[in-house]
């Protein structure tokens, strides 16, 4: 986080607003990331549930697989932005592997569907 000189912050109203934004941004980002990770976890669980329930013809399965790949990409983006350390590595590996596997299935089994 960028260090802010308090004397400069007191010198003008505009600087005070800028200081408030700089100091408030990390807290706001933490709250946003916590929410985004919670939503991403839910999206990941729903995508897995949909895969398990997918039945019917190939066209239906391909639709579910495409939706799954898109969800894994979105979830991966959130995990990459909001998580860190071992948790980040594990979650990214999980969703990126799933995205890659189902992208492969789509390429081989969903042509023209």
C-alpha atoms as a PDB file:
ATOM      1  CA  UNK A   1       0.000   0.000   0.000  1.00  0.00           C
ATOM      2  CA  UNK A   2       1.205   3.486  -0.816  1.00  0.00           C
ATOM      3  CA  UNK A   3       2.395   5.558   2.171  1.00  0.00           C
ATOM      4  CA  UNK A   4       0.690   8.922   2.528  1.00  0.00           C
ATOM      5  CA  UNK A   5       2.211  11.933   4.273  1.00  0.00           C
ATOM      6  CA  UNK A   6      -0.368  13.217   6.764  1.00  0.00           C
ATOM      7  CA  UNK A   7       0.851  16.820   6.490  1.00  0.00           C
ATOM      8  CA  UNK A   8       0.108  16.802   2.777  1.00  0.00           C
ATOM      9  CA  UNK A   9      -3.305  15.322   3.459  1.00  0.00           C
ATOM     10  CA  UNK A  10      -4.201  18.167   5.780  1.00  0.00           C
ATOM     11  CA  UNK A  11      -3.183  20.864   3.300  1.00  0.00           C
ATOM     12  CA  UNK A  12      -6.309  20.859   1.168  1.00  0.00           C
ATOM     13  CA  UNK A  13      -9.743  19.380   0.903  1.00  0.00           C
ATOM     14  CA  UNK A  14      -8.866  17.634  -2.357  1.00  0.00           C
ATOM     15  CA  UNK A  15      -5.818  16.046  -0.791  1.00  0.00           C
ATOM     16  CA  UNK A  16      -7.923  14.948   2.174  1.00  0.00           C
ATOM     17  CA  UNK A  17     -10.374  13.255  -0.166  1.00  0.00           C
ATOM     18  CA  UNK A  18      -7.490  11.571  -1.987  1.00  0.00           C
ATOM     19  CA  UNK A  19      -6.080  10.340   1.322  1.00  0.00           C
ATOM     20  CA  UNK A  20      -9.442   8.961   2.360  1.00  0.00           C
ATOM     21  CA  UNK A  21      -9.719   7.107  -0.927  1.00  0.00           C
ATOM     22  CA  UNK A  22      -6.204   5.682  -0.608  1.00  0.00           C
ATOM     23  CA  UNK A  23      -6.764   4.543   2.958  1.00  0.00           C
ATOM     24  CA  UNK A  24     -10.241   3.191   2.286  1.00  0.00           C
ATOM     25  CA  UNK A  25      -9.384   1.331  -0.917  1.00  0.00           C
ATOM     26  CA  UNK A  26      -7.693  -1.713   0.662  1.00  0.00           C
ATOM     27  CA  UNK A  27     -10.537  -2.228   3.128  1.00  0.00           C
ATOM     28  CA  UNK A  28     -13.094  -1.895   0.339  1.00  0.00           C
ATOM     29  CA  UNK A  29     -11.081  -4.279  -1.858  1.00  0.00           C
ATOM     30  CA  UNK A  30     -10.889  -6.822   0.981  1.00  0.00           C
ATOM     31  CA  UNK A  31     -14.663  -6.722   1.421  1.00  0.00           C
ATOM     32  CA  UNK A  32     -15.227  -6.998  -2.329  1.00  0.00           C
ATOM     33  CA  UNK A  33     -12.832  -9.946  -2.599  1.00  0.00           C
ATOM     34  CA  UNK A  34     -14.424 -11.734   0.342  1.00  0.00           C
ATOM     35  CA  UNK A  35     -17.809 -11.371  -1.339  1.00  0.00           C
ATOM     36  CA  UNK A  36     -16.433 -12.338  -4.756  1.00  0.00           C
ATOM     37  CA  UNK A  37     -14.749 -15.488  -3.390  1.00  0.00           C
ATOM     38  CA  UNK A  38     -17.966 -16.498  -1.635  1.00  0.00           C
ATOM     39  CA  UNK A  39     -19.909 -16.070  -4.887  1.00  0.00           C
ATOM     40  CA  UNK A  40     -17.192 -17.885  -6.870  1.00  0.00           C
ATOM     41  CA  UNK A  41     -17.301 -20.848  -4.465  1.00  0.00           C
ATOM     42  CA  UNK A  42     -21.062 -21.015  -4.901  1.00  0.00           C
ATOM     43  CA  UNK A  43     -20.768 -20.794  -8.693  1.00  0.00           C
ATOM     44  CA  UNK A  44     -18.198 -23.598  -8.671  1.00  0.00           C
ATOM     45  CA  UNK A  45     -20.451 -25.857  -6.570  1.00  0.00           C
ATOM     46  CA  UNK A  46     -23.447 -25.144  -8.828  1.00  0.00           C
ATOM     47  CA  UNK A  47     -21.407 -25.895 -11.946  1.00  0.00           C
ATOM     48  CA  UNK A  48     -20.335 -29.241 -10.492  1.00  0.00           C
ATOM     49  CA  UNK A  49     -23.940 -30.040  -9.534  1.00  0.00           C
ATOM     50  CA  UNK A  50     -25.057 -29.252 -13.090  1.00  0.00           C
ATOM     51  CA  UNK A  51     -22.386 -31.562 -14.494  1.00  0.00           C
ATOM     52  CA  UNK A  52     -23.557 -34.372 -12.236  1.00  0.00           C
ATOM     53  CA  UNK A  53     -27.171 -33.850 -13.320  1.00  0.00           C
ATOM     54  CA  UNK A  54     -26.433 -33.493 -17.033  1.00  0.00           C
ATOM     55  CA  UNK A  55     -28.219 -36.152 -18.993  1.00  0.00           C
ATOM     56  CA  UNK A  56     -30.048 -36.456 -22.213  1.00  0.00           C
ATOM     57  CA  UNK A  57     -28.622 -35.992 -25.645  1.00  0.00           C
ATOM     58  CA  UNK A  58     -25.180 -34.818 -26.678  1.00  0.00           C
ATOM     59  CA  UNK A  59     -26.442 -31.307 -27.430  1.00  0.00           C
ATOM     60  CA  UNK A  60     -27.630 -30.918 -23.831  1.00  0.00           C
ATOM     61  CA  UNK A  61     -24.369 -32.259 -22.413  1.00  0.00           C
ATOM     62  CA  UNK A  62     -22.389 -29.913 -24.664  1.00  0.00           C
ATOM     63  CA  UNK A  63     -24.420 -26.928 -23.439  1.00  0.00           C
ATOM     64  CA  UNK A  64     -23.707 -27.893 -19.829  1.00  0.00           C
ATOM     65  CA  UNK A  65     -20.007 -28.401 -20.594  1.00  0.00           C
ATOM     66  CA  UNK A  66     -19.750 -24.997 -22.296  1.00  0.00           C
ATOM     67  CA  UNK A  67     -21.454 -23.314 -19.368  1.00  0.00           C
ATOM     68  CA  UNK A  68     -19.089 -25.174 -17.021  1.00  0.00           C
ATOM     69  CA  UNK A  69     -16.007 -23.969 -18.919  1.00  0.00           C
ATOM     70  CA  UNK A  70     -17.222 -20.364 -18.838  1.00  0.00           C
ATOM     71  CA  UNK A  71     -17.958 -20.628 -15.118  1.00  0.00           C
ATOM     72  CA  UNK A  72     -14.516 -22.086 -14.392  1.00  0.00           C
ATOM     73  CA  UNK A  73     -12.905 -19.195 -16.276  1.00  0.00           C
ATOM     74  CA  UNK A  74     -14.857 -16.633 -14.277  1.00  0.00           C
ATOM     75  CA  UNK A  75     -14.135 -18.411 -10.992  1.00  0.00           C
ATOM     76  CA  UNK A  76     -10.446 -18.662 -11.891  1.00  0.00           C
ATOM     77  CA  UNK A  77     -10.317 -14.916 -12.418  1.00  0.00           C
ATOM     78  CA  UNK A  78     -11.723 -14.281  -8.945  1.00  0.00           C
ATOM     79  CA  UNK A  79      -9.407 -16.784  -7.262  1.00  0.00           C
ATOM     80  CA  UNK A  80      -6.407 -15.332  -9.066  1.00  0.00           C
ATOM     81  CA  UNK A  81      -7.296 -11.812  -7.980  1.00  0.00           C
ATOM     82  CA  UNK A  82      -8.459 -12.446  -4.432  1.00  0.00           C
ATOM     83  CA  UNK A  83      -6.650 -15.450  -2.981  1.00  0.00           C
ATOM     84  CA  UNK A  84      -3.008 -15.913  -2.084  1.00  0.00           C
ATOM     85  CA  UNK A  85      -0.504 -18.558  -1.090  1.00  0.00           C
ATOM     86  CA  UNK A  86      -1.293 -22.258  -1.037  1.00  0.00           C
ATOM     87  CA  UNK A  87      -5.056 -21.697  -1.135  1.00  0.00           C
ATOM     88  CA  UNK A  88      -4.715 -19.653  -4.324  1.00  0.00           C
ATOM     89  CA  UNK A  89      -2.500 -22.272  -5.958  1.00  0.00           C
ATOM     90  CA  UNK A  90      -4.814 -25.149  -5.027  1.00  0.00           C
ATOM     91  CA  UNK A  91      -8.037 -23.426  -6.085  1.00  0.00           C
ATOM     92  CA  UNK A  92      -6.550 -22.168  -9.359  1.00  0.00           C
ATOM     93  CA  UNK A  93      -5.197 -25.622 -10.156  1.00  0.00           C
ATOM     94  CA  UNK A  94      -8.597 -27.167  -9.491  1.00  0.00           C
ATOM     95  CA  UNK A  95     -10.643 -24.816 -11.665  1.00  0.00           C
ATOM     96  CA  UNK A  96      -8.057 -24.448 -14.438  1.00  0.00           C
ATOM     97  CA  UNK A  97      -7.678 -28.228 -14.722  1.00  0.00           C
ATOM     98  CA  UNK A  98     -11.447 -28.614 -14.927  1.00  0.00           C
ATOM     99  CA  UNK A  99     -11.677 -25.868 -17.555  1.00  0.00           C
ATOM    100  CA  UNK A 100      -8.948 -27.512 -19.617  1.00  0.00           C
ATOM    101  CA  UNK A 101     -10.500 -31.002 -19.350  1.00  0.00           C
ATOM    102  CA  UNK A 102     -13.963 -29.870 -20.401  1.00  0.00           C
ATOM    103  CA  UNK A 103     -12.606 -27.644 -23.167  1.00  0.00           C
ATOM    104  CA  UNK A 104     -10.965 -30.783 -24.540  1.00  0.00           C
ATOM    105  CA  UNK A 105     -14.241 -32.701 -24.356  1.00  0.00           C
ATOM    106  CA  UNK A 106     -16.038 -29.893 -26.159  1.00  0.00           C
ATOM    107  CA  UNK A 107     -13.431 -29.868 -28.940  1.00  0.00           C
ATOM    108  CA  UNK A 108     -13.654 -33.607 -29.501  1.00  0.00           C
ATOM    109  CA  UNK A 109     -17.323 -34.371 -28.839  1.00  0.00           C
ATOM    110  CA  UNK A 110     -19.314 -31.213 -29.487  1.00  0.00           C
ATOM    111  CA  UNK A 111     -18.474 -30.315 -33.069  1.00  0.00           C
ATOM    112  CA  UNK A 112     -21.542 -28.970 -34.779  1.00  0.00           C
ATOM    113  CA  UNK A 113     -23.639 -29.074 -31.609  1.00  0.00           C
END
